[in-house]
Amino acid sequence: MAFCKAYQAARPRATHSTSGFTVDPVHDT
């Protein structure tokens, strides 16, 4: 997900309240 990566770049380990899911370590880049 481009949005996921872009979001992590700004706020890693943050919760996607708008999407309804949490950024897990497996998604961490």
PDB file of N, CA and C in Angstrom:
ATOM      1  N   MET A   1       0.840  -1.202   0.000  1.00  0.00           N
ATOM      2  CA  MET A   1       0.000   0.000   0.000  1.00  0.00           C
ATOM      3  C   MET A   1       0.876   1.253   0.000  1.00  0.00           C
ATOM      4  N   ALA A   2       0.669   2.094  -0.961  1.00  0.00           N
ATOM      5  CA  ALA A   2       1.446   3.329  -1.032  1.00  0.00           C
ATOM      6  C   ALA A   2       1.088   4.238   0.143  1.00  0.00           C
ATOM      7  N   PHE A   3      -0.200   4.249   0.479  1.00  0.00           N
ATOM      8  CA  PHE A   3      -0.665   5.079   1.591  1.00  0.00           C
ATOM      9  C   PHE A   3      -0.042   4.616   2.901  1.00  0.00           C
ATOM     10  N   CYS A   4       0.040   3.309   3.058  1.00  0.00           N
ATOM     11  CA  CYS A   4       0.598   2.743   4.282  1.00  0.00           C
ATOM     12  C   CYS A   4       2.058   3.153   4.447  1.00  0.00           C
ATOM     13  N   LYS A   5       2.829   3.020   3.371  1.00  0.00           N
ATOM     14  CA  LYS A   5       4.240   3.387   3.413  1.00  0.00           C
ATOM     15  C   LYS A   5       4.418   4.883   3.634  1.00  0.00           C
ATOM     16  N   ALA A   6       3.596   5.675   2.970  1.00  0.00           N
ATOM     17  CA  ALA A   6       3.679   7.127   3.119  1.00  0.00           C
ATOM     18  C   ALA A   6       3.327   7.540   4.543  1.00  0.00           C
ATOM     19  N   TYR A   7       2.338   6.872   5.093  1.00  0.00           N
ATOM     20  CA  TYR A   7       1.902   7.167   6.461  1.00  0.00           C
ATOM     21  C   TYR A   7       2.991   6.793   7.453  1.00  0.00           C
ATOM     22  N   GLN A   8       3.613   5.634   7.234  1.00  0.00           N
ATOM     23  CA  GLN A   8       4.676   5.162   8.115  1.00  0.00           C
ATOM     24  C   GLN A   8       5.882   6.091   8.069  1.00  0.00           C
ATOM     25  N   ALA A   9       6.162   6.634   6.900  1.00  0.00           N
ATOM     26  CA  ALA A   9       7.295   7.532   6.734  1.00  0.00           C
ATOM     27  C   ALA A   9       7.153   8.747   7.647  1.00  0.00           C
ATOM     28  N   ALA A  10       5.908   9.176   7.833  1.00  0.00           N
ATOM     29  CA  ALA A  10       5.647  10.333   8.674  1.00  0.00           C
ATOM     30  C   ALA A  10       5.372   9.921  10.124  1.00  0.00           C
ATOM     31  N   ARG A  11       4.617   8.836  10.302  1.00  0.00           N
ATOM     32  CA  ARG A  11       4.225   8.423  11.646  1.00  0.00           C
ATOM     33  C   ARG A  11       4.311   6.907  11.795  1.00  0.00           C
ATOM     34  N   PRO A  12       5.516   6.367  11.959  1.00  0.00           N
ATOM     35  CA  PRO A  12       5.674   4.925  12.146  1.00  0.00           C
ATOM     36  C   PRO A  12       5.037   4.456  13.450  1.00  0.00           C
ATOM     37  N   ARG A  13       4.540   3.212  13.459  1.00  0.00           N
ATOM     38  CA  ARG A  13       3.899   2.630  14.643  1.00  0.00           C
ATOM     39  C   ARG A  13       2.611   3.359  15.020  1.00  0.00           C
ATOM     40  N   ALA A  14       2.079   4.148  14.097  1.00  0.00           N
ATOM     41  CA  ALA A  14       0.847   4.889  14.380  1.00  0.00           C
ATOM     42  C   ALA A  14      -0.371   4.036  14.034  1.00  0.00           C
ATOM     43  N   THR A  15      -1.502   4.425  14.590  1.00  0.00           N
ATOM     44  CA  THR A  15      -2.733   3.680  14.335  1.00  0.00           C
ATOM     45  C   THR A  15      -3.543   4.364  13.246  1.00  0.00           C
ATOM     46  N   HIS A  16      -3.913   3.588  12.223  1.00  0.00           N
ATOM     47  CA  HIS A  16      -4.730   4.131  11.141  1.00  0.00           C
ATOM     48  C   HIS A  16      -6.187   4.153  11.581  1.00  0.00           C
ATOM     49  N   SER A  17      -6.555   5.167  12.316  1.00  0.00           N
ATOM     50  CA  SER A  17      -7.923   5.259  12.817  1.00  0.00           C
ATOM     51  C   SER A  17      -8.916   5.418  11.668  1.00  0.00           C
ATOM     52  N   THR A  18      -8.459   6.032  10.586  1.00  0.00           N
ATOM     53  CA  THR A  18      -9.336   6.248   9.436  1.00  0.00           C
ATOM     54  C   THR A  18      -9.561   4.941   8.680  1.00  0.00           C
ATOM     55  N   SER A  19      -8.530   4.101   8.652  1.00  0.00           N
ATOM     56  CA  SER A  19      -8.644   2.833   7.947  1.00  0.00           C
ATOM     57  C   SER A  19      -9.160   1.740   8.883  1.00  0.00           C
ATOM     58  N   GLY A  20      -8.896   1.919  10.170  1.00  0.00           N
ATOM     59  CA  GLY A  20      -9.382   0.956  11.156  1.00  0.00           C
ATOM     60  C   GLY A  20      -8.412  -0.181  11.397  1.00  0.00           C
ATOM     61  N   PHE A  21      -7.122   0.026  11.118  1.00  0.00           N
ATOM     62  CA  PHE A  21      -6.141  -1.014  11.400  1.00  0.00           C
ATOM     63  C   PHE A  21      -4.843  -0.399  11.933  1.00  0.00           C
ATOM     64  N   THR A  22      -4.062  -1.211  12.616  1.00  0.00           N
ATOM     65  CA  THR A  22      -2.828  -0.733  13.224  1.00  0.00           C
ATOM     66  C   THR A  22      -1.619  -1.144  12.382  1.00  0.00           C
ATOM     67  N   VAL A  23      -0.635  -0.283  12.316  1.00  0.00           N
ATOM     68  CA  VAL A  23       0.591  -0.591  11.587  1.00  0.00           C
ATOM     69  C   VAL A  23       1.411  -1.588  12.402  1.00  0.00           C
ATOM     70  N   ASP A  24       1.509  -2.801  11.917  1.00  0.00           N
ATOM     71  CA  ASP A  24       2.233  -3.854  12.609  1.00  0.00           C
ATOM     72  C   ASP A  24       3.701  -3.861  12.181  1.00  0.00           C
ATOM     73  N   PRO A  25       4.573  -4.468  12.999  1.00  0.00           N
ATOM     74  CA  PRO A  25       6.001  -4.566  12.668  1.00  0.00           C
ATOM     75  C   PRO A  25       6.234  -5.231  11.303  1.00  0.00           C
ATOM     76  N   VAL A  26       5.326  -6.101  10.910  1.00  0.00           N
ATOM     77  CA  VAL A  26       5.451  -6.791   9.627  1.00  0.00           C
ATOM     78  C   VAL A  26       5.311  -5.813   8.470  1.00  0.00           C
ATOM     79  N   HIS A  27       4.636  -4.698   8.719  1.00  0.00           N
ATOM     80  CA  HIS A  27       4.465  -3.676   7.693  1.00  0.00           C
ATOM     81  C   HIS A  27       5.588  -2.648   7.733  1.00  0.00           C
ATOM     82  N   ASP A  28       6.364  -2.697   8.821  1.00  0.00           N
ATOM     83  CA  ASP A  28       7.424  -1.713   8.990  1.00  0.00           C
ATOM     84  C   ASP A  28       8.499  -1.891   7.928  1.00  0.00           C
ATOM     85  N   THR A  29       8.991  -0.787   7.396  1.00  0.00           N
ATOM     86  CA  THR A  29      10.008  -0.858   6.357  1.00  0.00           C
ATOM     87  C   THR A  29      11.297  -0.206   6.843  1.00  0.00           C
TER      88      THR A  29
END
